[in-house]
Amino acid sequence: MALLTLSSNPFFTFTRLQPASRFCRGKSQGVCISGPVQCTGGAKTSSQTAVIVRRTASYQPSIWDHDYIRSLTSDYVGETYTRQLEKLKGDVKMMLGQVGEPLHQLELIDTLQRLGIHYHFGEEIKRILHSIYNNYNRNDTWKNGDLYATALEFRLLRQHGYHVPQDVFHIFINKMGTVNPWLNEDIKGILCLYEASYLSVKGENILEEARDFTRNFLEEYLERTVDQNDLTAIINHAMELPLHWRMLRLEARWFIDIYERSQGMNPILLELAKLDYNMVQATYQEDLKHASMWWRSTRLPEKSSFSRDRLVENFLWAVGFIFEPQFGYCRRMLTKLISLITTIDDVYDVYGTLDELELFTDAVDRWDTNAMEQLPQYMKICFLALYNFTNETAYDVLKEHDLNIISYLRKAWADLSKSYLVEAKWYHEGYMPSLQEYINNAMISISGPLTLVHAYFFITNPMTEEALGCLERFRDIIRWSSTIFRLSDDLGTSSDELKRGDVPKSIQCYMYETSASEDDARKYIGFLIDETWKKMNEERNLNSPFSQTFIGMAMDIPRMAQCIYLYRDGYGVQDRETKDHVKTLFIEPISLI
């Protein structure tokens, strides 16, 4: 369906709302929720027009100009670089075939993963790990009594879906309970055990104990170490965020610099990592240009000026979800999807009146362009942009797979709109939900389920009835991924959102429910994130109707959230760490010299 031409209409002026709350009327009762002033001047009559007072979040405008995005170029394209890449890949495949010792095999796989080039060698890595797993507990003298070797094997096997018991660390945990000089001599092993502990599942007490011990030990090691070197840099990096929770492409860029300075650096691996990074960056530039042209054509940035214009940051999210160069279509479509989600989220959170939001939710639920006529002008273009994008997605899948998916996409958008409306009503009524009530709704409103439903169709999948049914029922991996996404967002954004008068977040719900301090509430939400990661780890190792690509994306969504919201709202405020991430991934190549 062609996008209708809409006449321009000036936006209403923004006015900051005065706070009001069902908990704060008459006397202070702790947490206060801001309430809205919906209109002034009485009802609309033939001689009088109601004045609608709308909120504003005062979001920064985009810092990335469309013409600048179009100007991005890379030298790392063409046959010369392609041939060079293929030669280096052949050298590494030969290397993988020649390494015989299990520990050396594991170290090579770990290096390939951390350099971000493992995706070129999927079959070779799978073969090696399968062989190591089949020989588990047989001919294992190479790792007996070696904490580093044991922890590295454990982490890599679990990461690739193999079940390895936590009991392998029992002897080391007992040893840690005593004063032993080996602790100071095996920092590498302690660090590796710390990273391995984040692959735990619920109820694994040995790994929980290992994490507590190793974290404390490494923090004390940093305190008493005067000289700063690559080892202390790696430990500080791990203390900030464990490897298992890191955004893959940014981690690769960081590790390339560390690896280049490391003793025993392999020049073939380094050259391949740098060249691959630059060539993939060139692919990203083309994806970004395509998305930027689409975003400009929708005219949503100008028609919805109250909303966050974050096209480049949305593309950053898409790269965080799926970085491999062959998934360009998926990245482009995800960028469009996230841009629409952001605009509609801001309609509900910032600009729309409750009456307007109910009409918009009804229009999305009915999926009827006739219902659009009752919407105000600014909502019409939002609805049509959503409608056209969804139909485009369904059309692409119908062409390629002979499958009509419109009902799945409609349901996902209806679920999201209804969850947004619930939060809008909480805000307007000054209602404070319980923490569980909040999470049940917020894991949908964060848009994780909608994103994963679309992503399933954006990537080439064997689309099975079982998998489609799991999409509709929010299979646990979708639920846990979305929960971590939401809680990470809350830790980074809740302070700013409450200042402008938003619905309470998980932190405030917990504070109200338990009378906890904000600091204690934040620690508890961090604890919930950790516990949910354990559920994600377990779900990944279960038999699943989903492809490994889809499961990997479900795991990468919370990784990206923890990257963006590590210190603050890196999405609403994009000119700090997020700007550096964009420059690093999309603009600045690595010197090959």
Protein backbone atom coordinates (compact mmCIF):
# COMPACT_ATOMS: atom_id res chain seq x y z
CA MET A 1 0.00 0.00 0.00
CA ALA A 2 1.37 3.41 -0.92
CA LEU A 3 2.01 5.90 1.84
CA LEU A 4 -0.70 8.55 1.87
CA THR A 5 0.26 12.19 1.47
CA LEU A 6 -0.44 14.07 4.68
CA SER A 7 -0.81 17.80 4.94
CA SER A 8 1.62 19.53 7.29
CA ASN A 9 0.29 20.53 10.66
CA PRO A 10 2.16 22.57 13.33
CA PHE A 11 2.79 20.80 16.62
CA PHE A 12 1.34 22.00 19.86
CA THR A 13 3.62 23.75 22.31
CA PHE A 14 5.29 21.71 25.05
CA THR A 15 4.75 22.43 28.72
CA ARG A 16 6.38 20.64 31.64
CA LEU A 17 3.79 18.94 33.83
CA GLN A 18 3.28 19.50 37.50
CA PRO A 19 3.72 16.38 39.64
CA ALA A 20 0.71 14.56 41.00
CA SER A 21 0.29 11.07 42.41
CA ARG A 22 -2.26 8.91 44.11
CA PHE A 23 0.51 8.34 46.67
CA CYS A 24 1.44 12.02 47.03
CA ARG A 25 -1.86 13.80 47.43
CA GLY A 26 -2.23 15.47 50.78
CA LYS A 27 0.99 14.15 52.29
CA SER A 28 4.30 12.71 51.24
CA GLN A 29 4.41 8.93 51.08
CA GLY A 30 7.82 8.21 49.60
CA VAL A 31 7.83 7.56 45.86
CA CYS A 32 5.99 10.20 43.87
CA ILE A 33 4.70 9.62 40.34
CA SER A 34 4.17 12.61 38.11
CA GLY A 35 0.71 13.01 36.66
CA PRO A 36 -0.41 14.91 33.57
CA VAL A 37 -2.39 18.04 32.90
CA GLN A 38 -4.30 16.91 29.84
CA CYS A 39 -6.02 20.06 28.68
CA THR A 40 -7.07 23.56 29.64
CA GLY A 41 -9.75 25.87 28.40
CA GLY A 42 -12.76 23.56 28.59
CA ALA A 43 -14.34 21.35 25.95
CA LYS A 44 -14.04 22.02 22.27
CA THR A 45 -17.01 23.96 20.84
CA SER A 46 -17.73 25.75 17.58
CA SER A 47 -16.40 28.96 19.10
CA GLN A 48 -13.68 27.53 21.34
CA THR A 49 -10.82 25.11 20.68
CA ALA A 50 -9.34 23.05 23.52
CA VAL A 51 -5.71 23.74 24.24
CA ILE A 52 -3.83 20.47 24.72
CA VAL A 53 -0.83 20.73 26.99
CA ARG A 54 1.76 18.14 26.09
CA ARG A 55 4.91 16.99 27.82
CA THR A 56 8.41 17.24 26.43
CA ALA A 57 11.44 15.11 27.14
CA SER A 58 13.78 17.73 25.66
CA TYR A 59 15.68 15.07 23.74
CA GLN A 60 18.83 16.13 21.96
CA PRO A 61 18.53 16.29 18.16
CA SER A 62 20.45 13.77 16.13
CA ILE A 63 24.19 14.46 16.02
CA TRP A 64 24.54 12.60 12.71
CA ASP A 65 23.59 14.51 9.56
CA HIS A 66 22.04 12.56 6.69
CA ASP A 67 24.47 14.05 4.16
CA TYR A 68 27.39 13.08 6.40
CA ILE A 69 26.14 9.49 6.53
CA ARG A 70 25.87 9.45 2.74
CA SER A 71 29.46 10.68 2.48
CA LEU A 72 30.94 7.74 4.41
CA THR A 73 33.40 5.74 2.33
CA SER A 74 35.90 2.96 2.87
CA ASP A 75 39.08 2.00 1.08
CA TYR A 76 38.61 -1.63 2.09
CA VAL A 77 36.38 -2.80 -0.77
CA GLY A 78 37.12 -4.60 -4.00
CA GLU A 79 38.80 -7.74 -5.27
CA THR A 80 42.27 -6.96 -3.91
CA TYR A 81 41.09 -7.01 -0.30
CA THR A 82 38.75 -9.93 -0.91
CA ARG A 83 41.63 -12.06 -2.24
CA GLN A 84 43.82 -11.02 0.66
CA LEU A 85 41.08 -11.96 3.13
CA GLU A 86 40.56 -15.37 1.52
CA LYS A 87 44.27 -16.13 1.64
CA LEU A 88 44.48 -15.27 5.34
CA LYS A 89 41.42 -17.38 6.05
CA GLY A 90 43.07 -20.30 4.29
CA ASP A 91 46.17 -19.87 6.44
CA VAL A 92 44.10 -19.90 9.62
CA LYS A 93 42.12 -22.98 8.54
CA MET A 94 45.42 -24.74 8.02
CA MET A 95 46.50 -23.56 11.45
CA LEU A 96 43.33 -24.98 13.03
CA GLY A 97 43.98 -28.32 11.39
CA GLN A 98 47.59 -28.52 12.54
CA VAL A 99 47.18 -27.60 16.23
CA GLY A 100 47.13 -30.89 18.11
CA GLU A 101 47.22 -30.18 21.84
CA PRO A 102 43.72 -29.59 23.28
CA LEU A 103 44.82 -26.56 25.30
CA HIS A 104 46.41 -24.95 22.25
CA GLN A 105 43.27 -25.66 20.25
CA LEU A 106 41.13 -24.00 22.90
CA GLU A 107 43.42 -21.00 23.11
CA LEU A 108 43.29 -20.55 19.35
CA ILE A 109 39.47 -20.75 19.34
CA ASP A 110 39.27 -18.27 22.20
CA THR A 111 41.57 -15.86 20.36
CA LEU A 112 39.52 -16.15 17.15
CA GLN A 113 36.35 -15.39 19.09
CA ARG A 114 37.77 -12.42 20.94
CA LEU A 115 39.23 -10.99 17.72
CA GLY A 116 35.77 -11.24 16.13
CA ILE A 117 36.81 -13.52 13.24
CA HIS A 118 35.46 -16.84 14.54
CA TYR A 119 32.44 -16.68 12.22
CA HIS A 120 34.71 -17.54 9.28
CA PHE A 121 35.62 -20.87 10.88
CA GLY A 122 32.34 -22.18 12.28
CA GLU A 123 32.71 -25.74 10.99
CA GLU A 124 36.33 -26.07 12.07
CA ILE A 125 35.58 -24.76 15.58
CA LYS A 126 32.57 -27.04 15.88
CA ARG A 127 34.65 -30.07 14.88
CA ILE A 128 37.41 -29.32 17.39
CA LEU A 129 35.07 -28.66 20.30
CA HIS A 130 33.03 -31.77 19.53
CA SER A 131 36.20 -33.85 19.61
CA ILE A 132 37.30 -32.31 22.93
CA TYR A 133 33.85 -32.92 24.42
CA ASN A 134 33.78 -36.54 23.25
CA ASN A 135 37.12 -37.09 24.96
CA TYR A 136 36.03 -35.32 28.13
CA ASN A 137 37.54 -36.99 31.23
CA ARG A 138 39.66 -39.23 28.98
CA ASN A 139 43.31 -38.52 28.29
CA ASP A 140 42.96 -35.27 30.17
CA THR A 141 46.41 -35.03 31.70
CA TRP A 142 46.80 -31.74 29.79
CA LYS A 143 44.38 -30.06 32.21
CA ASN A 144 44.77 -31.99 35.49
CA GLY A 145 45.41 -29.52 38.28
CA ASP A 146 45.55 -26.64 35.78
CA LEU A 147 42.89 -24.05 36.69
CA TYR A 148 43.44 -22.01 33.53
CA ALA A 149 43.04 -25.01 31.18
CA THR A 150 40.02 -26.37 33.08
CA ALA A 151 38.23 -23.01 33.16
CA LEU A 152 38.93 -22.25 29.50
CA GLU A 153 37.61 -25.63 28.40
CA PHE A 154 34.52 -25.21 30.60
CA ARG A 155 33.73 -21.72 29.27
CA LEU A 156 34.13 -22.56 25.59
CA LEU A 157 32.22 -25.84 25.76
CA ARG A 158 29.32 -24.27 27.65
CA GLN A 159 29.31 -21.29 25.33
CA HIS A 160 28.81 -23.67 22.41
CA GLY A 161 25.99 -25.60 24.04
CA TYR A 162 27.81 -28.56 25.62
CA HIS A 163 26.91 -29.60 29.14
CA VAL A 164 29.95 -29.60 31.41
CA PRO A 165 29.41 -30.19 35.15
CA GLN A 166 30.46 -27.53 37.63
CA ASP A 167 32.14 -30.24 39.72
CA VAL A 168 35.31 -29.85 37.65
CA PHE A 169 36.09 -26.82 39.85
CA HIS A 170 35.51 -28.53 43.19
CA ILE A 171 39.19 -29.26 43.81
CA PHE A 172 40.15 -25.68 43.01
CA ILE A 173 37.44 -24.17 45.24
CA ASN A 174 38.67 -26.27 48.18
CA LYS A 175 42.20 -25.11 47.45
CA MET A 176 41.08 -21.48 47.44
CA GLY A 177 39.79 -21.83 50.96
CA THR A 178 43.34 -22.02 52.26
CA VAL A 179 46.30 -19.66 52.04
CA ASN A 180 48.28 -20.85 49.03
CA PRO A 181 51.07 -19.12 47.15
CA TRP A 182 49.75 -20.57 43.89
CA LEU A 183 46.95 -18.02 43.91
CA ASN A 184 49.35 -15.15 43.33
CA GLU A 185 51.12 -17.16 40.66
CA ASP A 186 48.00 -18.10 38.70
CA ILE A 187 46.28 -14.78 38.01
CA LYS A 188 45.52 -16.01 34.50
CA GLY A 189 43.69 -19.04 35.90
CA ILE A 190 41.78 -16.98 38.47
CA LEU A 191 40.65 -14.56 35.74
CA CYS A 192 39.62 -17.43 33.47
CA LEU A 193 37.57 -19.01 36.28
CA TYR A 194 35.91 -15.64 36.94
CA GLU A 195 34.86 -15.41 33.28
CA ALA A 196 33.73 -19.05 33.25
CA SER A 197 31.48 -18.49 36.28
CA TYR A 198 29.18 -16.30 34.17
CA LEU A 199 28.20 -19.37 32.15
CA SER A 200 26.49 -20.82 35.23
CA VAL A 201 22.85 -21.85 35.53
CA LYS A 202 20.57 -21.55 38.53
CA GLY A 203 21.53 -23.68 41.52
CA GLU A 204 25.22 -24.09 40.69
CA ASN A 205 26.65 -23.15 44.06
CA ILE A 206 30.24 -24.05 43.22
CA LEU A 207 30.26 -21.52 40.40
CA GLU A 208 28.59 -18.88 42.56
CA GLU A 209 31.26 -19.39 45.20
CA ALA A 210 33.94 -19.29 42.51
CA ARG A 211 32.64 -15.98 41.18
CA ASP A 212 32.57 -14.35 44.61
CA PHE A 213 36.06 -15.52 45.42
CA THR A 214 37.64 -14.65 42.09
CA ARG A 215 36.04 -11.20 41.96
CA ASN A 216 37.27 -10.35 45.44
CA PHE A 217 40.73 -11.71 44.69
CA LEU A 218 41.05 -9.82 41.40
CA GLU A 219 39.85 -6.57 42.95
CA GLU A 220 42.44 -6.95 45.72
CA TYR A 221 45.08 -7.76 43.12
CA LEU A 222 44.32 -4.52 41.29
CA GLU A 223 44.52 -2.54 44.52
CA ARG A 224 48.00 -3.81 45.37
CA THR A 225 49.39 -3.69 41.81
CA VAL A 226 51.17 -0.42 41.10
CA ASP A 227 52.30 -0.99 37.52
CA GLN A 228 49.56 -0.75 34.90
CA ASN A 229 50.03 -3.24 32.08
CA ASP A 230 47.97 -5.30 29.66
CA LEU A 231 47.08 -7.83 32.36
CA THR A 232 45.68 -5.17 34.68
CA ALA A 233 43.84 -3.64 31.71
CA ILE A 234 42.22 -7.01 30.95
CA ILE A 235 41.26 -7.52 34.61
CA ASN A 236 39.77 -4.01 34.86
CA HIS A 237 37.84 -4.69 31.67
CA ALA A 238 36.46 -7.93 33.12
CA MET A 239 35.50 -6.26 36.41
CA GLU A 240 33.54 -3.62 34.49
CA LEU A 241 31.56 -6.23 32.55
CA PRO A 242 32.28 -9.96 32.08
CA LEU A 243 33.15 -11.28 28.65
CA HIS A 244 29.90 -13.27 28.43
CA TRP A 245 27.90 -10.03 28.71
CA ARG A 246 29.92 -7.99 26.21
CA MET A 247 28.72 -6.59 22.86
CA LEU A 248 30.67 -8.74 20.41
CA ARG A 249 31.89 -6.26 17.82
CA LEU A 250 33.02 -3.61 20.31
CA GLU A 251 34.78 -6.33 22.30
CA ALA A 252 36.61 -7.41 19.14
CA ARG A 253 37.81 -3.86 18.48
CA TRP A 254 39.05 -3.54 22.06
CA PHE A 255 40.80 -6.90 22.03
CA ILE A 256 42.59 -6.29 18.72
CA ASP A 257 44.63 -3.56 20.42
CA ILE A 258 45.36 -5.78 23.43
CA TYR A 259 46.34 -8.72 21.22
CA GLU A 260 48.68 -6.61 19.07
CA ARG A 261 50.77 -5.85 22.18
CA SER A 262 50.62 -9.34 23.66
CA GLN A 263 53.53 -11.72 23.94
CA GLY A 264 53.08 -14.57 21.50
CA MET A 265 50.89 -12.55 19.12
CA ASN A 266 50.34 -14.38 15.83
CA PRO A 267 50.77 -11.89 12.95
CA ILE A 268 48.47 -13.87 10.64
CA LEU A 269 45.59 -13.71 13.13
CA LEU A 270 46.21 -10.02 13.77
CA GLU A 271 46.31 -9.15 10.08
CA LEU A 272 43.12 -11.12 9.42
CA ALA A 273 41.34 -9.47 12.36
CA LYS A 274 42.26 -5.96 11.23
CA LEU A 275 41.40 -6.55 7.59
CA ASP A 276 38.12 -8.26 8.45
CA TYR A 277 37.18 -5.43 10.80
CA ASN A 278 37.74 -2.81 8.10
CA MET A 279 35.93 -4.77 5.41
CA VAL A 280 32.94 -5.41 7.66
CA GLN A 281 32.95 -1.70 8.54
CA ALA A 282 32.56 -0.95 4.82
CA THR A 283 29.53 -3.26 4.75
CA TYR A 284 28.06 -1.43 7.74
CA GLN A 285 28.45 1.90 5.98
CA GLU A 286 26.34 0.69 3.06
CA ASP A 287 23.71 -0.74 5.41
CA LEU A 288 23.59 2.56 7.28
CA LYS A 289 23.23 4.62 4.09
CA HIS A 290 20.30 2.47 3.02
CA ALA A 291 18.58 2.86 6.39
CA SER A 292 19.22 6.60 6.44
CA MET A 293 17.61 7.06 3.00
CA TRP A 294 14.53 5.17 4.22
CA TRP A 295 14.35 7.15 7.47
CA ARG A 296 14.51 10.43 5.59
CA SER A 297 11.82 9.30 3.15
CA THR A 298 9.35 8.58 5.96
CA ARG A 299 9.56 12.24 7.11
CA LEU A 300 9.04 10.99 10.65
CA PRO A 301 12.00 13.02 12.00
CA GLU A 302 10.25 16.26 11.02
CA LYS A 303 6.66 15.15 11.56
CA SER A 304 7.42 13.70 15.02
CA SER A 305 9.87 16.26 16.33
CA PHE A 306 8.96 15.38 19.93
CA SER A 307 10.57 11.98 19.45
CA ARG A 308 14.17 10.78 19.62
CA ASP A 309 15.79 10.98 16.18
CA ARG A 310 18.29 8.15 16.60
CA LEU A 311 18.72 6.48 13.24
CA VAL A 312 22.48 5.89 13.61
CA GLU A 313 22.10 4.68 17.20
CA ASN A 314 19.33 2.34 16.04
CA PHE A 315 21.74 0.91 13.51
CA LEU A 316 24.25 0.46 16.33
CA TRP A 317 21.63 -1.63 18.15
CA ALA A 318 21.11 -3.70 15.00
CA VAL A 319 24.86 -4.38 14.67
CA GLY A 320 24.89 -5.37 18.34
CA PHE A 321 22.09 -7.85 17.65
CA ILE A 322 23.72 -9.44 14.60
CA PHE A 323 27.15 -8.31 13.40
CA GLU A 324 28.12 -10.82 10.70
CA PRO A 325 28.36 -9.13 7.27
CA GLN A 326 26.09 -11.63 5.49
CA PHE A 327 23.08 -10.48 7.52
CA GLY A 328 22.81 -7.04 5.92
CA TYR A 329 19.09 -7.38 5.14
CA CYS A 330 18.40 -8.26 8.76
CA ARG A 331 20.39 -5.25 10.04
CA ARG A 332 18.67 -2.85 7.67
CA MET A 333 15.21 -4.08 8.58
CA LEU A 334 16.02 -4.10 12.30
CA THR A 335 17.18 -0.49 12.03
CA LYS A 336 13.86 0.48 10.46
CA LEU A 337 11.98 -1.50 13.09
CA ILE A 338 13.82 0.08 16.02
CA SER A 339 13.29 3.55 14.54
CA LEU A 340 9.54 2.95 14.40
CA ILE A 341 9.51 1.51 17.91
CA THR A 342 11.30 4.60 19.24
CA THR A 343 8.88 7.01 17.60
CA ILE A 344 5.80 5.16 18.80
CA ASP A 345 7.28 4.70 22.27
CA ASP A 346 7.68 8.48 22.50
CA VAL A 347 4.11 8.97 21.31
CA TYR A 348 2.96 6.98 24.33
CA ASP A 349 5.54 8.20 26.84
CA VAL A 350 5.81 11.86 25.94
CA TYR A 351 3.35 13.37 23.50
CA GLY A 352 0.00 11.62 23.29
CA THR A 353 -3.01 12.30 25.49
CA LEU A 354 -4.68 9.27 27.03
CA ASP A 355 -7.68 9.58 24.68
CA GLU A 356 -5.38 9.70 21.66
CA LEU A 357 -3.37 6.71 22.88
CA GLU A 358 -6.50 4.62 23.29
CA LEU A 359 -7.51 5.46 19.72
CA PHE A 360 -4.04 4.58 18.41
CA THR A 361 -3.98 1.30 20.31
CA ASP A 362 -7.37 0.41 18.89
CA ALA A 363 -6.21 1.22 15.34
CA VAL A 364 -3.14 -1.02 15.72
CA ASP A 365 -5.19 -3.81 17.26
CA ARG A 366 -7.76 -3.66 14.45
CA TRP A 367 -5.04 -3.16 11.81
CA ASP A 368 -7.47 -1.08 9.84
CA THR A 369 -6.55 2.01 7.84
CA ASN A 370 -10.14 3.22 8.22
CA ALA A 371 -9.53 3.54 11.96
CA MET A 372 -6.75 5.95 11.11
CA GLU A 373 -9.25 8.66 10.24
CA GLN A 374 -10.09 9.23 13.90
CA LEU A 375 -6.44 9.82 14.78
CA PRO A 376 -4.84 13.25 15.13
CA GLN A 377 -2.53 14.27 12.29
CA TYR A 378 0.78 13.38 13.97
CA MET A 379 -0.51 9.87 14.73
CA LYS A 380 -1.67 9.23 11.18
CA ILE A 381 1.83 9.32 9.76
CA CYS A 382 3.09 7.12 12.62
CA PHE A 383 0.37 4.57 11.98
CA LEU A 384 0.90 4.52 8.22
CA ALA A 385 4.67 4.21 8.54
CA LEU A 386 4.12 1.23 10.86
CA TYR A 387 1.45 -0.24 8.59
CA ASN A 388 3.56 0.06 5.44
CA PHE A 389 6.71 -1.34 7.06
CA THR A 390 4.85 -4.34 8.48
CA ASN A 391 3.23 -5.12 5.15
CA GLU A 392 6.60 -4.77 3.42
CA THR A 393 8.08 -7.30 5.84
CA ALA A 394 5.21 -9.73 5.31
CA TYR A 395 5.49 -9.32 1.55
CA ASP A 396 9.21 -10.12 1.56
CA VAL A 397 8.64 -13.33 3.54
CA LEU A 398 5.71 -14.35 1.33
CA LYS A 399 7.90 -13.95 -1.77
CA GLU A 400 10.82 -15.90 -0.35
CA HIS A 401 9.11 -18.56 1.78
CA ASP A 402 5.48 -18.77 0.61
CA LEU A 403 4.41 -18.06 4.18
CA ASN A 404 1.87 -15.45 5.24
CA ILE A 405 3.19 -13.99 8.50
CA ILE A 406 1.05 -10.87 8.80
CA SER A 407 -0.90 -12.28 11.75
CA TYR A 408 2.32 -12.81 13.77
CA LEU A 409 3.52 -9.27 13.08
CA ARG A 410 0.11 -7.73 13.82
CA LYS A 411 -0.12 -9.56 17.12
CA ALA A 412 3.37 -8.46 18.13
CA TRP A 413 2.56 -4.80 17.42
CA ALA A 414 -0.81 -5.08 19.16
CA ASP A 415 0.88 -6.60 22.23
CA LEU A 416 3.43 -3.78 22.29
CA SER A 417 0.80 -1.05 21.89
CA LYS A 418 -1.35 -2.51 24.64
CA SER A 419 1.62 -2.70 27.01
CA TYR A 420 2.45 0.93 26.21
CA LEU A 421 -1.17 1.85 26.97
CA VAL A 422 -1.01 0.05 30.33
CA GLU A 423 1.99 2.19 31.29
CA ALA A 424 0.28 5.34 30.05
CA LYS A 425 -2.73 4.56 32.24
CA TRP A 426 -0.48 3.91 35.22
CA TYR A 427 1.07 7.30 34.65
CA HIS A 428 -2.23 9.14 34.26
CA GLU A 429 -3.74 7.42 37.29
CA GLY A 430 -0.62 7.80 39.43
CA TYR A 431 -0.59 4.05 39.96
CA MET A 432 2.41 2.25 41.44
CA PRO A 433 2.53 -1.40 40.28
CA SER A 434 4.21 -4.16 42.21
CA LEU A 435 7.63 -5.15 40.91
CA GLN A 436 6.30 -8.38 39.41
CA GLU A 437 3.33 -6.60 37.85
CA TYR A 438 5.71 -4.06 36.38
CA ILE A 439 8.10 -6.69 34.95
CA ASN A 440 5.27 -8.74 33.42
CA ASN A 441 4.20 -5.72 31.38
CA ALA A 442 7.60 -4.08 30.91
CA MET A 443 9.29 -7.10 29.36
CA ILE A 444 6.82 -6.54 26.49
CA SER A 445 6.96 -2.74 26.45
CA ILE A 446 10.76 -2.80 26.14
CA SER A 447 10.05 -4.23 22.64
CA GLY A 448 12.20 -7.35 23.01
CA PRO A 449 9.44 -9.81 22.00
CA LEU A 450 8.40 -7.67 19.03
CA THR A 451 12.01 -7.33 17.90
CA LEU A 452 12.67 -11.06 18.13
CA VAL A 453 9.43 -11.96 16.33
CA HIS A 454 10.50 -9.74 13.43
CA ALA A 455 14.12 -10.92 13.59
CA TYR A 456 12.98 -14.52 13.21
CA PHE A 457 11.62 -13.60 9.79
CA PHE A 458 14.51 -11.28 8.87
CA ILE A 459 17.09 -14.07 9.04
CA THR A 460 17.02 -17.15 6.83
CA ASN A 461 15.36 -19.79 8.97
CA PRO A 462 13.79 -23.16 8.41
CA MET A 463 10.42 -21.76 9.52
CA THR A 464 8.68 -24.54 11.42
CA GLU A 465 5.25 -24.71 13.00
CA GLU A 466 6.83 -25.41 16.39
CA ALA A 467 9.03 -22.33 16.18
CA LEU A 468 6.13 -20.13 15.06
CA GLY A 469 4.09 -21.37 18.01
CA CYS A 470 6.95 -20.51 20.38
CA LEU A 471 7.08 -17.00 18.94
CA GLU A 472 3.43 -16.47 19.80
CA ARG A 473 3.78 -17.86 23.33
CA PHE A 474 6.98 -15.95 24.16
CA ARG A 475 9.26 -18.95 24.59
CA ASP A 476 11.45 -18.55 27.68
CA ILE A 477 14.53 -17.42 25.75
CA ILE A 478 12.46 -14.49 24.42
CA ARG A 479 11.14 -13.75 27.90
CA TRP A 480 14.53 -13.83 29.62
CA SER A 481 16.23 -11.83 26.87
CA SER A 482 13.53 -9.14 27.11
CA THR A 483 13.65 -9.09 30.91
CA ILE A 484 17.40 -8.36 30.99
CA PHE A 485 16.86 -5.75 28.26
CA ARG A 486 14.23 -4.03 30.41
CA LEU A 487 16.11 -4.15 33.71
CA SER A 488 19.33 -2.90 32.10
CA ASP A 489 17.38 -0.03 30.53
CA ASP A 490 15.90 0.81 33.93
CA LEU A 491 19.29 0.98 35.61
CA GLY A 492 20.50 3.42 32.98
CA THR A 493 17.44 5.60 32.40
CA SER A 494 15.14 5.63 35.44
CA SER A 495 16.65 8.73 37.08
CA ASP A 496 16.27 10.91 33.98
CA GLU A 497 12.82 9.57 33.17
CA LEU A 498 11.48 10.25 36.67
CA LYS A 499 12.76 13.83 36.51
CA ARG A 500 10.58 14.49 33.46
CA GLY A 501 7.61 12.68 34.98
CA ASP A 502 7.47 9.12 33.65
CA VAL A 503 5.91 5.89 34.83
CA PRO A 504 7.91 4.35 37.72
CA LYS A 505 10.53 1.79 36.76
CA SER A 506 11.60 -1.44 38.43
CA ILE A 507 13.86 0.44 40.86
CA GLN A 508 11.04 2.62 42.15
CA CYS A 509 8.60 -0.31 42.28
CA TYR A 510 11.03 -2.25 44.48
CA MET A 511 11.68 0.81 46.66
CA TYR A 512 7.97 1.34 47.21
CA GLU A 513 7.30 -2.34 47.83
CA THR A 514 10.13 -2.91 50.31
CA SER A 515 11.03 0.59 51.62
CA ALA A 516 14.55 -0.04 50.32
CA SER A 517 16.98 2.76 49.52
CA GLU A 518 17.68 3.54 45.87
CA ASP A 519 21.18 2.07 46.21
CA ASP A 520 19.81 -1.19 47.61
CA ALA A 521 17.10 -1.26 44.94
CA ARG A 522 19.71 -0.89 42.21
CA LYS A 523 21.73 -3.75 43.70
CA TYR A 524 18.60 -5.90 43.75
CA ILE A 525 17.84 -5.16 40.08
CA GLY A 526 21.46 -6.06 39.30
CA PHE A 527 20.91 -9.32 41.16
CA LEU A 528 17.78 -10.00 39.05
CA ILE A 529 19.79 -9.41 35.87
CA ASP A 530 22.38 -11.92 37.04
CA GLU A 531 19.72 -14.50 37.93
CA THR A 532 17.98 -14.03 34.58
CA TRP A 533 21.27 -14.55 32.73
CA LYS A 534 21.49 -17.95 34.46
CA LYS A 535 18.07 -18.79 33.01
CA MET A 536 19.26 -17.62 29.59
CA ASN A 537 22.32 -19.86 29.86
CA GLU A 538 20.16 -22.85 30.72
CA GLU A 539 17.63 -22.13 27.98
CA ARG A 540 20.38 -21.91 25.38
CA ASN A 541 21.52 -25.43 26.19
CA LEU A 542 18.04 -26.96 25.87
CA ASN A 543 16.64 -28.45 22.71
CA SER A 544 15.11 -25.54 20.84
CA PRO A 545 13.02 -25.16 17.67
CA PHE A 546 15.02 -22.02 16.90
CA SER A 547 18.21 -21.79 14.84
CA GLN A 548 21.53 -21.02 16.49
CA THR A 549 21.52 -17.67 14.68
CA PHE A 550 18.22 -16.72 16.30
CA ILE A 551 19.33 -17.97 19.73
CA GLY A 552 22.54 -15.97 19.36
CA MET A 553 20.52 -12.86 18.60
CA ALA A 554 18.33 -13.43 21.66
CA MET A 555 21.52 -13.53 23.74
CA ASP A 556 22.97 -10.46 22.01
CA ILE A 557 19.97 -8.23 22.78
CA PRO A 558 20.73 -8.05 26.53
CA ARG A 559 24.44 -7.70 25.73
CA MET A 560 23.67 -4.64 23.65
CA ALA A 561 21.39 -3.25 26.36
CA GLN A 562 24.10 -3.65 28.98
CA CYS A 563 26.52 -1.88 26.64
CA ILE A 564 24.25 1.12 25.99
CA TYR A 565 23.07 1.49 29.59
CA LEU A 566 26.29 0.54 31.38
CA TYR A 567 26.75 3.96 33.01
CA ARG A 568 23.80 6.09 31.91
CA ASP A 569 21.19 6.45 29.19
CA GLY A 570 23.45 6.06 26.19
CA TYR A 571 20.47 6.15 23.84
CA GLY A 572 18.60 9.26 24.91
CA VAL A 573 21.94 11.05 25.38
CA GLN A 574 24.02 9.93 22.42
CA ASP A 575 26.99 12.30 22.41
CA ARG A 576 29.15 10.49 24.97
CA GLU A 577 30.19 6.81 24.96
CA THR A 578 27.62 6.00 22.28
CA LYS A 579 29.16 8.55 19.92
CA ASP A 580 32.54 6.88 20.46
CA HIS A 581 31.01 3.48 19.72
CA VAL A 582 29.56 4.77 16.44
CA LYS A 583 32.86 6.29 15.35
CA THR A 584 34.75 3.13 16.28
CA LEU A 585 32.43 0.71 14.50
CA PHE A 586 31.28 2.67 11.44
CA ILE A 587 33.70 5.49 10.71
CA GLU A 588 37.28 4.90 11.84
CA PRO A 589 39.14 1.95 10.26
CA ILE A 590 42.08 0.22 11.94
CA SER A 591 45.51 0.99 10.57
CA LEU A 592 46.97 -2.11 8.93
CA ILE A 593 50.54 -0.91 9.37
